[in-house]
Amino acid sequence: MKTFLSFAFALISLSTQAAPEARIVSLEGIVTFQGKPVQLDTRITGDGEFKVGEKSVVKIFLSESRSTVVLGANTTSLVLLAHTPGHPNVNLAHGSARWISGDVKSNKIGGGIRTKNAMLTLKGTDFLASYHPLLGETETVCFDGTVQLRSTGKADDEKLVSKNQWSGIGGRFGSVTAGVLSLSPEVITYYQKQLPR
């Protein structure tokens, strides 16, 4: 009987665990999720596509990883709420996104950002990523911690981008990940203002 009760309790516990969700914590302008407008404090419980309008910006808190994603104007991105190890939470189809990691002591660090030609994976990081499909360019600027920029086309093509550094791939940057560049404080400030925390 004890075994049955323990099993039943375990099943109830599993069924009552909250599904991964996201919450809109800041919003300016027009933003839709799965084609429907979102508002401040809107809660999202499924994966789906965000579209951010012109002169608009949205800040999304991901409950599972306790991380924050900021999507800039004219951005289209698929956001995946459940973190699968090795897979990013954000698939950036067009535009820009800033990733701010949550509690780095937790094991539930999100997987970062993916574009058509790159994966940006991380731990304890604040970074900006942008993707321009017309040019086929992905670039990243790291504000804190480190981010790994990896080509989706070549398994061994990757760069580790640290605080106040830049790298990119595609278009003007070339078919392999570009050399890492250290940026001046003025340039870092410029990029930080693009999508404030």
N, C-alpha and C. Protein backbone atom coordinates (compact mmCIF):
# COMPACT_ATOMS: atom_id res chain seq x y z
N MET A 1 0.82 -1.20 0.00
CA MET A 1 0.00 0.00 0.00
C MET A 1 0.86 1.26 0.00
N LYS A 2 1.99 1.22 0.82
CA LYS A 2 2.88 2.37 0.87
C LYS A 2 3.46 2.67 -0.50
N THR A 3 3.85 1.61 -1.21
CA THR A 3 4.44 1.78 -2.55
C THR A 3 3.43 2.42 -3.49
N PHE A 4 2.17 1.96 -3.44
CA PHE A 4 1.13 2.51 -4.30
C PHE A 4 0.92 3.99 -4.01
N LEU A 5 0.85 4.35 -2.71
CA LEU A 5 0.64 5.75 -2.34
C LEU A 5 1.81 6.63 -2.79
N SER A 6 3.04 6.12 -2.65
CA SER A 6 4.21 6.88 -3.11
C SER A 6 4.16 7.10 -4.61
N PHE A 7 3.78 6.05 -5.35
CA PHE A 7 3.68 6.15 -6.81
C PHE A 7 2.60 7.15 -7.21
N ALA A 8 1.44 7.07 -6.54
CA ALA A 8 0.33 7.98 -6.84
C ALA A 8 0.73 9.43 -6.54
N PHE A 9 1.43 9.65 -5.44
CA PHE A 9 1.87 11.00 -5.08
C PHE A 9 2.86 11.53 -6.12
N ALA A 10 3.75 10.66 -6.58
CA ALA A 10 4.73 11.07 -7.60
C ALA A 10 4.02 11.47 -8.89
N LEU A 11 3.01 10.71 -9.29
CA LEU A 11 2.26 11.05 -10.49
C LEU A 11 1.53 12.38 -10.34
N ILE A 12 0.93 12.61 -9.18
CA ILE A 12 0.23 13.88 -8.93
C ILE A 12 1.22 15.04 -8.97
N SER A 13 2.39 14.86 -8.38
CA SER A 13 3.42 15.90 -8.38
C SER A 13 3.83 16.25 -9.79
N LEU A 14 4.04 15.24 -10.63
CA LEU A 14 4.44 15.48 -12.02
C LEU A 14 3.37 16.22 -12.79
N SER A 15 2.11 15.86 -12.56
CA SER A 15 1.03 16.48 -13.32
C SER A 15 0.76 17.91 -12.87
N THR A 16 1.16 18.27 -11.65
CA THR A 16 0.90 19.63 -11.17
C THR A 16 2.09 20.57 -11.36
N GLN A 17 3.24 20.03 -11.85
CA GLN A 17 4.37 20.92 -12.11
C GLN A 17 3.98 21.89 -13.21
N ALA A 18 4.36 23.16 -13.01
CA ALA A 18 4.00 24.18 -13.98
C ALA A 18 4.76 23.96 -15.29
N ALA A 19 4.03 24.10 -16.39
CA ALA A 19 4.66 24.04 -17.70
C ALA A 19 5.50 25.29 -17.89
N PRO A 20 6.57 25.21 -18.66
CA PRO A 20 7.36 26.41 -18.91
C PRO A 20 6.49 27.50 -19.50
N GLU A 21 6.70 28.72 -19.02
CA GLU A 21 5.93 29.84 -19.55
C GLU A 21 6.83 31.06 -19.68
N ALA A 22 6.30 32.06 -20.35
CA ALA A 22 6.98 33.34 -20.49
C ALA A 22 6.00 34.43 -20.09
N ARG A 23 6.56 35.58 -19.70
CA ARG A 23 5.72 36.71 -19.32
C ARG A 23 6.29 37.97 -19.95
N ILE A 24 5.41 38.81 -20.47
CA ILE A 24 5.83 40.09 -21.04
C ILE A 24 6.06 41.05 -19.89
N VAL A 25 7.32 41.48 -19.69
CA VAL A 25 7.64 42.34 -18.56
C VAL A 25 7.85 43.80 -18.96
N SER A 26 7.99 44.05 -20.25
CA SER A 26 8.11 45.42 -20.75
C SER A 26 7.68 45.43 -22.21
N LEU A 27 7.00 46.49 -22.61
CA LEU A 27 6.45 46.53 -23.97
C LEU A 27 6.31 47.97 -24.44
N GLU A 28 6.79 48.22 -25.65
CA GLU A 28 6.58 49.51 -26.32
C GLU A 28 6.14 49.22 -27.74
N GLY A 29 5.09 49.88 -28.19
CA GLY A 29 4.64 49.72 -29.57
C GLY A 29 3.77 48.50 -29.78
N ILE A 30 3.86 47.93 -30.99
CA ILE A 30 2.99 46.83 -31.39
C ILE A 30 3.79 45.54 -31.49
N VAL A 31 3.36 44.53 -30.72
CA VAL A 31 4.01 43.22 -30.71
C VAL A 31 2.92 42.16 -30.74
N THR A 32 3.11 41.14 -31.58
CA THR A 32 2.15 40.03 -31.61
C THR A 32 2.85 38.72 -31.30
N PHE A 33 2.07 37.79 -30.74
CA PHE A 33 2.53 36.42 -30.51
C PHE A 33 1.51 35.52 -31.18
N GLN A 34 1.95 34.71 -32.12
CA GLN A 34 1.07 33.84 -32.90
C GLN A 34 -0.06 34.66 -33.55
N GLY A 35 0.28 35.87 -33.98
CA GLY A 35 -0.67 36.72 -34.70
C GLY A 35 -1.62 37.53 -33.83
N LYS A 36 -1.54 37.36 -32.50
CA LYS A 36 -2.41 38.10 -31.60
C LYS A 36 -1.61 39.12 -30.80
N PRO A 37 -2.13 40.35 -30.65
CA PRO A 37 -1.40 41.37 -29.89
C PRO A 37 -1.17 40.95 -28.44
N VAL A 38 0.00 41.30 -27.91
CA VAL A 38 0.30 41.04 -26.51
C VAL A 38 0.30 42.35 -25.75
N GLN A 39 0.13 42.25 -24.44
CA GLN A 39 0.13 43.42 -23.56
C GLN A 39 1.11 43.16 -22.42
N LEU A 40 1.38 44.19 -21.65
CA LEU A 40 2.22 44.04 -20.47
C LEU A 40 1.61 42.99 -19.56
N ASP A 41 2.41 42.11 -19.01
CA ASP A 41 2.02 41.02 -18.11
C ASP A 41 1.29 39.86 -18.80
N THR A 42 1.20 39.88 -20.14
CA THR A 42 0.65 38.72 -20.84
C THR A 42 1.51 37.50 -20.52
N ARG A 43 0.85 36.37 -20.20
CA ARG A 43 1.57 35.12 -19.94
C ARG A 43 1.40 34.20 -21.13
N ILE A 44 2.50 33.56 -21.52
CA ILE A 44 2.51 32.68 -22.68
C ILE A 44 2.93 31.30 -22.21
N THR A 45 2.18 30.27 -22.62
CA THR A 45 2.48 28.92 -22.15
C THR A 45 2.86 27.96 -23.27
N GLY A 46 2.97 28.43 -24.47
CA GLY A 46 3.37 27.54 -25.57
C GLY A 46 4.40 28.21 -26.46
N ASP A 47 5.08 27.39 -27.26
CA ASP A 47 6.05 27.92 -28.20
C ASP A 47 5.30 28.70 -29.29
N GLY A 48 5.96 29.69 -29.86
CA GLY A 48 5.32 30.43 -30.94
C GLY A 48 6.14 31.60 -31.44
N GLU A 49 5.60 32.26 -32.44
CA GLU A 49 6.33 33.33 -33.13
C GLU A 49 5.94 34.71 -32.62
N PHE A 50 6.96 35.48 -32.28
CA PHE A 50 6.79 36.89 -31.94
C PHE A 50 7.12 37.72 -33.17
N LYS A 51 6.30 38.75 -33.41
CA LYS A 51 6.60 39.75 -34.44
C LYS A 51 6.56 41.11 -33.76
N VAL A 52 7.66 41.84 -33.90
CA VAL A 52 7.79 43.14 -33.26
C VAL A 52 7.71 44.21 -34.34
N GLY A 53 6.79 45.18 -34.16
CA GLY A 53 6.58 46.21 -35.16
C GLY A 53 7.67 47.26 -35.20
N GLU A 54 7.52 48.15 -36.16
CA GLU A 54 8.47 49.26 -36.31
C GLU A 54 8.42 50.14 -35.06
N LYS A 55 9.55 50.61 -34.60
CA LYS A 55 9.66 51.45 -33.40
C LYS A 55 9.05 50.78 -32.18
N SER A 56 9.17 49.46 -32.11
CA SER A 56 8.61 48.68 -31.00
C SER A 56 9.71 47.84 -30.36
N VAL A 57 9.47 47.41 -29.12
CA VAL A 57 10.41 46.54 -28.42
C VAL A 57 9.64 45.78 -27.34
N VAL A 58 10.05 44.53 -27.09
CA VAL A 58 9.39 43.72 -26.07
C VAL A 58 10.44 42.99 -25.25
N LYS A 59 10.19 42.92 -23.95
CA LYS A 59 11.07 42.18 -23.04
C LYS A 59 10.28 41.00 -22.49
N ILE A 60 10.83 39.79 -22.65
CA ILE A 60 10.15 38.55 -22.30
C ILE A 60 10.95 37.81 -21.24
N PHE A 61 10.30 37.45 -20.14
CA PHE A 61 10.95 36.68 -19.08
C PHE A 61 10.60 35.21 -19.26
N LEU A 62 11.62 34.36 -19.38
CA LEU A 62 11.42 32.92 -19.54
C LEU A 62 11.50 32.25 -18.17
N SER A 63 10.40 31.66 -17.72
CA SER A 63 10.34 31.15 -16.35
C SER A 63 11.29 29.99 -16.10
N GLU A 64 11.45 29.09 -17.06
CA GLU A 64 12.25 27.90 -16.82
C GLU A 64 13.73 28.24 -16.61
N SER A 65 14.30 29.06 -17.49
CA SER A 65 15.71 29.40 -17.37
C SER A 65 15.93 30.65 -16.52
N ARG A 66 14.84 31.34 -16.18
CA ARG A 66 14.89 32.60 -15.42
C ARG A 66 15.74 33.64 -16.17
N SER A 67 15.71 33.54 -17.49
CA SER A 67 16.45 34.46 -18.35
C SER A 67 15.48 35.44 -19.01
N THR A 68 16.03 36.52 -19.53
CA THR A 68 15.23 37.55 -20.19
C THR A 68 15.70 37.71 -21.63
N VAL A 69 14.73 37.83 -22.54
CA VAL A 69 15.02 38.07 -23.94
C VAL A 69 14.36 39.40 -24.32
N VAL A 70 15.13 40.28 -24.95
CA VAL A 70 14.60 41.55 -25.44
C VAL A 70 14.63 41.48 -26.97
N LEU A 71 13.47 41.67 -27.61
CA LEU A 71 13.38 41.65 -29.06
C LEU A 71 13.21 43.08 -29.56
N GLY A 72 14.03 43.47 -30.54
CA GLY A 72 14.01 44.83 -31.05
C GLY A 72 13.01 45.04 -32.17
N ALA A 73 12.94 46.27 -32.65
CA ALA A 73 12.02 46.67 -33.72
C ALA A 73 12.23 45.82 -34.98
N ASN A 74 11.14 45.54 -35.67
CA ASN A 74 11.16 44.80 -36.93
C ASN A 74 11.81 43.42 -36.79
N THR A 75 11.56 42.77 -35.67
CA THR A 75 12.13 41.44 -35.42
C THR A 75 11.05 40.38 -35.52
N THR A 76 11.41 39.25 -36.12
CA THR A 76 10.56 38.06 -36.14
C THR A 76 11.36 36.93 -35.51
N SER A 77 10.76 36.29 -34.50
CA SER A 77 11.50 35.26 -33.77
C SER A 77 10.56 34.20 -33.22
N LEU A 78 10.97 32.94 -33.35
CA LEU A 78 10.26 31.83 -32.72
C LEU A 78 10.87 31.63 -31.34
N VAL A 79 10.02 31.65 -30.31
CA VAL A 79 10.50 31.46 -28.94
C VAL A 79 10.01 30.11 -28.44
N LEU A 80 10.97 29.28 -28.02
CA LEU A 80 10.68 27.94 -27.51
C LEU A 80 10.84 27.97 -26.00
N LEU A 81 9.77 27.75 -25.27
CA LEU A 81 9.79 27.92 -23.82
C LEU A 81 10.48 26.80 -23.08
N ALA A 82 10.33 25.56 -23.52
CA ALA A 82 10.97 24.45 -22.83
C ALA A 82 12.40 24.33 -23.32
N HIS A 83 13.35 24.33 -22.39
CA HIS A 83 14.76 24.25 -22.77
C HIS A 83 15.19 22.81 -22.97
N THR A 84 15.67 22.53 -24.17
CA THR A 84 16.25 21.23 -24.46
C THR A 84 17.76 21.42 -24.51
N PRO A 85 18.51 20.69 -23.70
CA PRO A 85 19.97 20.88 -23.69
C PRO A 85 20.56 20.86 -25.11
N GLY A 86 21.40 21.86 -25.39
CA GLY A 86 22.05 21.94 -26.69
C GLY A 86 21.24 22.66 -27.75
N HIS A 87 20.02 23.09 -27.40
CA HIS A 87 19.18 23.78 -28.37
C HIS A 87 18.77 25.14 -27.83
N PRO A 88 18.89 26.19 -28.65
CA PRO A 88 18.52 27.53 -28.21
C PRO A 88 17.02 27.68 -27.96
N ASN A 89 16.69 28.64 -27.07
CA ASN A 89 15.29 28.96 -26.81
C ASN A 89 14.72 29.92 -27.85
N VAL A 90 15.60 30.66 -28.52
CA VAL A 90 15.16 31.72 -29.44
C VAL A 90 15.70 31.43 -30.84
N ASN A 91 14.79 31.30 -31.82
CA ASN A 91 15.17 31.16 -33.22
C ASN A 91 14.88 32.50 -33.90
N LEU A 92 15.94 33.24 -34.18
CA LEU A 92 15.82 34.59 -34.72
C LEU A 92 15.78 34.54 -36.24
N ALA A 93 14.61 34.84 -36.82
CA ALA A 93 14.45 34.79 -38.27
C ALA A 93 14.84 36.10 -38.93
N HIS A 94 14.70 37.20 -38.19
CA HIS A 94 15.02 38.53 -38.72
C HIS A 94 15.08 39.51 -37.56
N GLY A 95 16.06 40.40 -37.56
CA GLY A 95 16.10 41.45 -36.56
C GLY A 95 17.14 41.22 -35.49
N SER A 96 16.83 41.69 -34.26
CA SER A 96 17.81 41.65 -33.19
C SER A 96 17.19 41.18 -31.87
N ALA A 97 18.03 40.55 -31.05
CA ALA A 97 17.59 40.06 -29.75
C ALA A 97 18.74 40.20 -28.76
N ARG A 98 18.39 40.54 -27.53
CA ARG A 98 19.38 40.58 -26.46
C ARG A 98 19.02 39.50 -25.46
N TRP A 99 20.01 38.72 -25.06
CA TRP A 99 19.81 37.64 -24.09
C TRP A 99 20.48 38.03 -22.79
N ILE A 100 19.75 37.96 -21.67
CA ILE A 100 20.31 38.20 -20.35
C ILE A 100 20.05 36.95 -19.52
N SER A 101 21.13 36.22 -19.18
CA SER A 101 20.98 34.97 -18.44
C SER A 101 20.40 35.20 -17.06
N GLY A 102 19.69 34.19 -16.58
CA GLY A 102 19.12 34.23 -15.24
C GLY A 102 20.12 33.77 -14.21
N ASP A 103 19.64 33.04 -13.23
CA ASP A 103 20.46 32.56 -12.12
C ASP A 103 21.46 31.53 -12.63
N VAL A 104 22.74 31.92 -12.72
CA VAL A 104 23.74 31.01 -13.27
C VAL A 104 24.06 29.84 -12.35
N LYS A 105 23.64 29.91 -11.09
CA LYS A 105 23.86 28.79 -10.18
C LYS A 105 22.84 27.69 -10.41
N SER A 106 21.75 28.05 -11.09
CA SER A 106 20.71 27.08 -11.40
C SER A 106 21.17 26.20 -12.56
N ASN A 107 20.64 25.00 -12.65
CA ASN A 107 20.94 24.13 -13.78
C ASN A 107 20.05 24.42 -14.97
N LYS A 108 19.14 25.39 -14.81
CA LYS A 108 18.18 25.65 -15.88
C LYS A 108 18.56 26.90 -16.66
N ILE A 109 19.77 26.93 -17.17
CA ILE A 109 20.21 28.03 -18.01
C ILE A 109 19.70 27.77 -19.41
N GLY A 110 19.10 28.77 -20.01
CA GLY A 110 18.55 28.61 -21.35
C GLY A 110 19.62 28.39 -22.38
N GLY A 111 19.21 27.95 -23.56
CA GLY A 111 20.16 27.57 -24.58
C GLY A 111 20.64 28.64 -25.50
N GLY A 112 20.14 29.88 -25.40
CA GLY A 112 20.62 30.96 -26.24
C GLY A 112 19.80 31.20 -27.49
N ILE A 113 20.48 31.64 -28.56
CA ILE A 113 19.82 32.12 -29.78
C ILE A 113 20.37 31.39 -31.00
N ARG A 114 19.47 31.10 -31.94
CA ARG A 114 19.86 30.46 -33.20
C ARG A 114 19.39 31.33 -34.36
N THR A 115 20.20 31.40 -35.41
CA THR A 115 19.79 32.03 -36.66
C THR A 115 19.94 30.98 -37.76
N LYS A 116 19.71 31.37 -39.00
CA LYS A 116 19.82 30.40 -40.09
C LYS A 116 21.23 29.84 -40.22
N ASN A 117 22.25 30.66 -39.91
CA ASN A 117 23.61 30.19 -40.13
C ASN A 117 24.49 30.11 -38.88
N ALA A 118 23.88 30.34 -37.69
CA ALA A 118 24.70 30.33 -36.47
C ALA A 118 23.89 29.92 -35.25
N MET A 119 24.62 29.34 -34.26
CA MET A 119 24.06 29.09 -32.94
C MET A 119 24.91 29.84 -31.93
N LEU A 120 24.23 30.54 -31.00
CA LEU A 120 24.93 31.29 -29.96
C LEU A 120 24.54 30.68 -28.63
N THR A 121 25.45 29.92 -28.04
CA THR A 121 25.17 29.24 -26.78
C THR A 121 26.01 29.87 -25.68
N LEU A 122 25.58 29.69 -24.43
CA LEU A 122 26.11 30.53 -23.37
C LEU A 122 26.00 29.93 -21.99
N LYS A 123 26.63 30.63 -21.05
CA LYS A 123 26.40 30.39 -19.63
C LYS A 123 26.78 31.68 -18.89
N GLY A 124 25.83 32.26 -18.19
CA GLY A 124 26.09 33.48 -17.43
C GLY A 124 26.43 34.65 -18.31
N THR A 125 25.62 34.89 -19.33
CA THR A 125 25.98 35.85 -20.37
C THR A 125 24.89 36.88 -20.62
N ASP A 126 25.34 38.07 -21.01
CA ASP A 126 24.48 39.14 -21.51
C ASP A 126 25.05 39.48 -22.89
N PHE A 127 24.28 39.22 -23.94
CA PHE A 127 24.80 39.51 -25.27
C PHE A 127 23.68 39.92 -26.22
N LEU A 128 24.09 40.56 -27.32
CA LEU A 128 23.19 41.01 -28.38
C LEU A 128 23.47 40.18 -29.62
N ALA A 129 22.42 39.75 -30.31
CA ALA A 129 22.57 39.04 -31.58
C ALA A 129 21.67 39.69 -32.61
N SER A 130 22.12 39.71 -33.84
CA SER A 130 21.27 40.20 -34.92
C SER A 130 21.43 39.30 -36.13
N TYR A 131 20.34 39.21 -36.91
CA TYR A 131 20.37 38.42 -38.14
C TYR A 131 19.67 39.20 -39.24
N HIS A 132 20.36 39.33 -40.38
CA HIS A 132 19.82 40.03 -41.55
C HIS A 132 19.69 39.01 -42.68
N PRO A 133 18.47 38.50 -42.93
CA PRO A 133 18.31 37.42 -43.91
C PRO A 133 18.68 37.82 -45.33
N LEU A 134 18.48 39.09 -45.69
CA LEU A 134 18.80 39.53 -47.05
C LEU A 134 20.29 39.38 -47.33
N LEU A 135 21.11 39.68 -46.32
CA LEU A 135 22.56 39.57 -46.46
C LEU A 135 23.09 38.23 -45.95
N GLY A 136 22.25 37.50 -45.22
CA GLY A 136 22.68 36.24 -44.63
C GLY A 136 23.72 36.43 -43.54
N GLU A 137 23.59 37.52 -42.77
CA GLU A 137 24.59 37.87 -41.77
C GLU A 137 24.07 37.71 -40.35
N THR A 138 24.88 37.05 -39.52
CA THR A 138 24.64 36.98 -38.08
C THR A 138 25.83 37.66 -37.41
N GLU A 139 25.54 38.50 -36.42
CA GLU A 139 26.63 39.08 -35.63
C GLU A 139 26.23 39.12 -34.16
N THR A 140 27.25 39.12 -33.31
CA THR A 140 26.99 39.17 -31.88
C THR A 140 27.99 40.09 -31.19
N VAL A 141 27.51 40.75 -30.14
CA VAL A 141 28.34 41.55 -29.26
C VAL A 141 28.07 41.05 -27.84
N CYS A 142 29.13 40.70 -27.12
CA CYS A 142 29.00 40.18 -25.76
C CYS A 142 29.23 41.31 -24.76
N PHE A 143 28.27 41.51 -23.85
CA PHE A 143 28.38 42.56 -22.83
C PHE A 143 28.92 42.02 -21.50
N ASP A 144 28.71 40.73 -21.25
CA ASP A 144 29.18 40.13 -20.01
C ASP A 144 29.27 38.62 -20.19
N GLY A 145 30.23 37.99 -19.52
CA GLY A 145 30.39 36.54 -19.63
C GLY A 145 31.00 36.16 -20.96
N THR A 146 30.58 35.04 -21.49
CA THR A 146 31.06 34.57 -22.80
C THR A 146 29.91 33.96 -23.58
N VAL A 147 30.04 34.01 -24.90
CA VAL A 147 29.07 33.37 -25.79
C VAL A 147 29.84 32.63 -26.88
N GLN A 148 29.38 31.43 -27.20
CA GLN A 148 30.02 30.65 -28.25
C GLN A 148 29.25 30.85 -29.54
N LEU A 149 29.90 31.40 -30.55
CA LEU A 149 29.31 31.57 -31.88
C LEU A 149 29.76 30.40 -32.72
N ARG A 150 28.77 29.60 -33.16
CA ARG A 150 29.09 28.38 -33.90
C ARG A 150 28.34 28.36 -35.22
N SER A 151 29.02 28.04 -36.30
CA SER A 151 28.40 27.93 -37.61
C SER A 151 27.47 26.72 -37.63
N THR A 152 26.30 26.87 -38.24
CA THR A 152 25.40 25.72 -38.38
C THR A 152 25.80 24.86 -39.57
N GLY A 153 26.67 25.39 -40.44
CA GLY A 153 27.08 24.65 -41.63
C GLY A 153 28.35 23.85 -41.47
N LYS A 154 29.18 24.23 -40.49
CA LYS A 154 30.46 23.55 -40.29
C LYS A 154 30.64 23.29 -38.80
N ALA A 155 30.61 22.03 -38.43
CA ALA A 155 30.62 21.63 -37.01
C ALA A 155 31.83 22.14 -36.24
N ASP A 156 32.98 22.26 -36.89
CA ASP A 156 34.19 22.66 -36.17
C ASP A 156 34.49 24.16 -36.29
N ASP A 157 33.55 24.92 -36.85
CA ASP A 157 33.75 26.37 -37.03
C ASP A 157 33.06 27.13 -35.90
N GLU A 158 33.84 27.58 -34.93
CA GLU A 158 33.26 28.31 -33.80
C GLU A 158 34.26 29.29 -33.22
N LYS A 159 33.72 30.31 -32.56
CA LYS A 159 34.55 31.30 -31.87
C LYS A 159 33.95 31.53 -30.49
N LEU A 160 34.80 31.77 -29.50
CA LEU A 160 34.36 32.14 -28.17
C LEU A 160 34.48 33.66 -28.05
N VAL A 161 33.35 34.32 -27.84
CA VAL A 161 33.30 35.78 -27.78
C VAL A 161 33.12 36.17 -26.32
N SER A 162 34.05 36.95 -25.79
CA SER A 162 34.02 37.35 -24.38
C SER A 162 33.53 38.78 -24.23
N LYS A 163 33.50 39.24 -22.98
CA LYS A 163 33.01 40.57 -22.65
C LYS A 163 33.67 41.64 -23.51
N ASN A 164 32.82 42.53 -24.07
CA ASN A 164 33.24 43.66 -24.90
C ASN A 164 33.89 43.23 -26.21
N GLN A 165 33.45 42.08 -26.74
CA GLN A 165 33.97 41.60 -28.02
C GLN A 165 32.84 41.37 -29.02
N TRP A 166 33.23 41.26 -30.29
CA TRP A 166 32.30 41.08 -31.42
C TRP A 166 32.79 39.94 -32.31
N SER A 167 31.84 39.25 -32.95
CA SER A 167 32.14 38.34 -34.06
C SER A 167 30.89 38.20 -34.92
N GLY A 168 31.06 37.62 -36.10
CA GLY A 168 29.94 37.44 -37.00
C GLY A 168 30.23 36.36 -38.02
N ILE A 169 29.21 36.07 -38.83
CA ILE A 169 29.34 35.08 -39.90
C ILE A 169 28.34 35.40 -41.00
N GLY A 170 28.73 35.10 -42.24
CA GLY A 170 27.84 35.29 -43.39
C GLY A 170 28.00 36.66 -44.03
N GLY A 171 27.57 36.77 -45.26
CA GLY A 171 27.58 38.05 -45.96
C GLY A 171 28.97 38.69 -45.97
N ARG A 172 29.03 39.94 -45.53
CA ARG A 172 30.30 40.68 -45.51
C ARG A 172 31.32 40.07 -44.56
N PHE A 173 30.86 39.25 -43.60
CA PHE A 173 31.77 38.68 -42.60
C PHE A 173 32.45 37.40 -43.08
N GLY A 174 31.98 36.83 -44.18
CA GLY A 174 32.58 35.61 -44.72
C GLY A 174 31.80 34.36 -44.39
N SER A 175 32.17 33.27 -45.03
CA SER A 175 31.42 32.01 -44.88
C SER A 175 31.81 31.23 -43.63
N VAL A 176 32.86 31.68 -42.94
CA VAL A 176 33.23 31.08 -41.65
C VAL A 176 33.18 32.17 -40.59
N THR A 177 33.14 31.76 -39.32
CA THR A 177 33.05 32.76 -38.25
C THR A 177 34.23 33.72 -38.32
N ALA A 178 33.90 35.00 -38.22
CA ALA A 178 34.93 36.04 -38.32
C ALA A 178 35.78 36.08 -37.07
N GLY A 179 37.00 36.60 -37.23
CA GLY A 179 37.88 36.77 -36.07
C GLY A 179 37.23 37.64 -35.02
N VAL A 180 37.49 37.34 -33.77
CA VAL A 180 36.90 38.09 -32.65
C VAL A 180 37.60 39.44 -32.53
N LEU A 181 36.79 40.50 -32.41
CA LEU A 181 37.33 41.85 -32.27
C LEU A 181 36.98 42.41 -30.90
N SER A 182 37.94 43.07 -30.25
CA SER A 182 37.66 43.79 -29.00
C SER A 182 37.13 45.17 -29.36
N LEU A 183 36.08 45.61 -28.67
CA LEU A 183 35.42 46.86 -28.97
C LEU A 183 35.72 47.92 -27.92
N SER A 184 35.73 49.17 -28.35
CA SER A 184 35.98 50.29 -27.43
C SER A 184 34.75 50.50 -26.55
N PRO A 185 34.91 51.15 -25.39
CA PRO A 185 33.77 51.44 -24.52
C PRO A 185 32.66 52.21 -25.23
N GLU A 186 33.04 53.11 -26.15
CA GLU A 186 32.03 53.90 -26.89
C GLU A 186 31.18 53.01 -27.78
N VAL A 187 31.82 52.05 -28.43
CA VAL A 187 31.08 51.14 -29.32
C VAL A 187 30.18 50.22 -28.49
N ILE A 188 30.68 49.73 -27.36
CA ILE A 188 29.86 48.89 -26.47
C ILE A 188 28.64 49.66 -26.00
N THR A 189 28.82 50.91 -25.60
CA THR A 189 27.69 51.74 -25.16
C THR A 189 26.67 51.90 -26.27
N TYR A 190 27.15 52.10 -27.50
CA TYR A 190 26.25 52.22 -28.65
C TYR A 190 25.39 50.96 -28.80
N TYR A 191 26.03 49.79 -28.74
CA TYR A 191 25.29 48.53 -28.90
C TYR A 191 24.34 48.29 -27.71
N GLN A 192 24.77 48.64 -26.50
CA GLN A 192 23.88 48.44 -25.35
C GLN A 192 22.61 49.29 -25.45
N LYS A 193 22.72 50.44 -26.06
CA LYS A 193 21.54 51.33 -26.20
C LYS A 193 20.58 50.81 -27.27
N GLN A 194 21.07 49.94 -28.16
CA GLN A 194 20.20 49.39 -29.21
C GLN A 194 19.01 48.64 -28.58
N LEU A 195 19.34 47.82 -27.56
CA LEU A 195 18.31 47.06 -26.83
C LEU A 195 18.67 47.11 -25.35
N PRO A 196 18.19 48.11 -24.61
CA PRO A 196 18.54 48.21 -23.18
C PRO A 196 18.02 47.02 -22.40
N ARG A 197 18.73 46.72 -21.31
CA ARG A 197 18.33 45.63 -20.40
C ARG A 197 16.96 45.90 -19.84
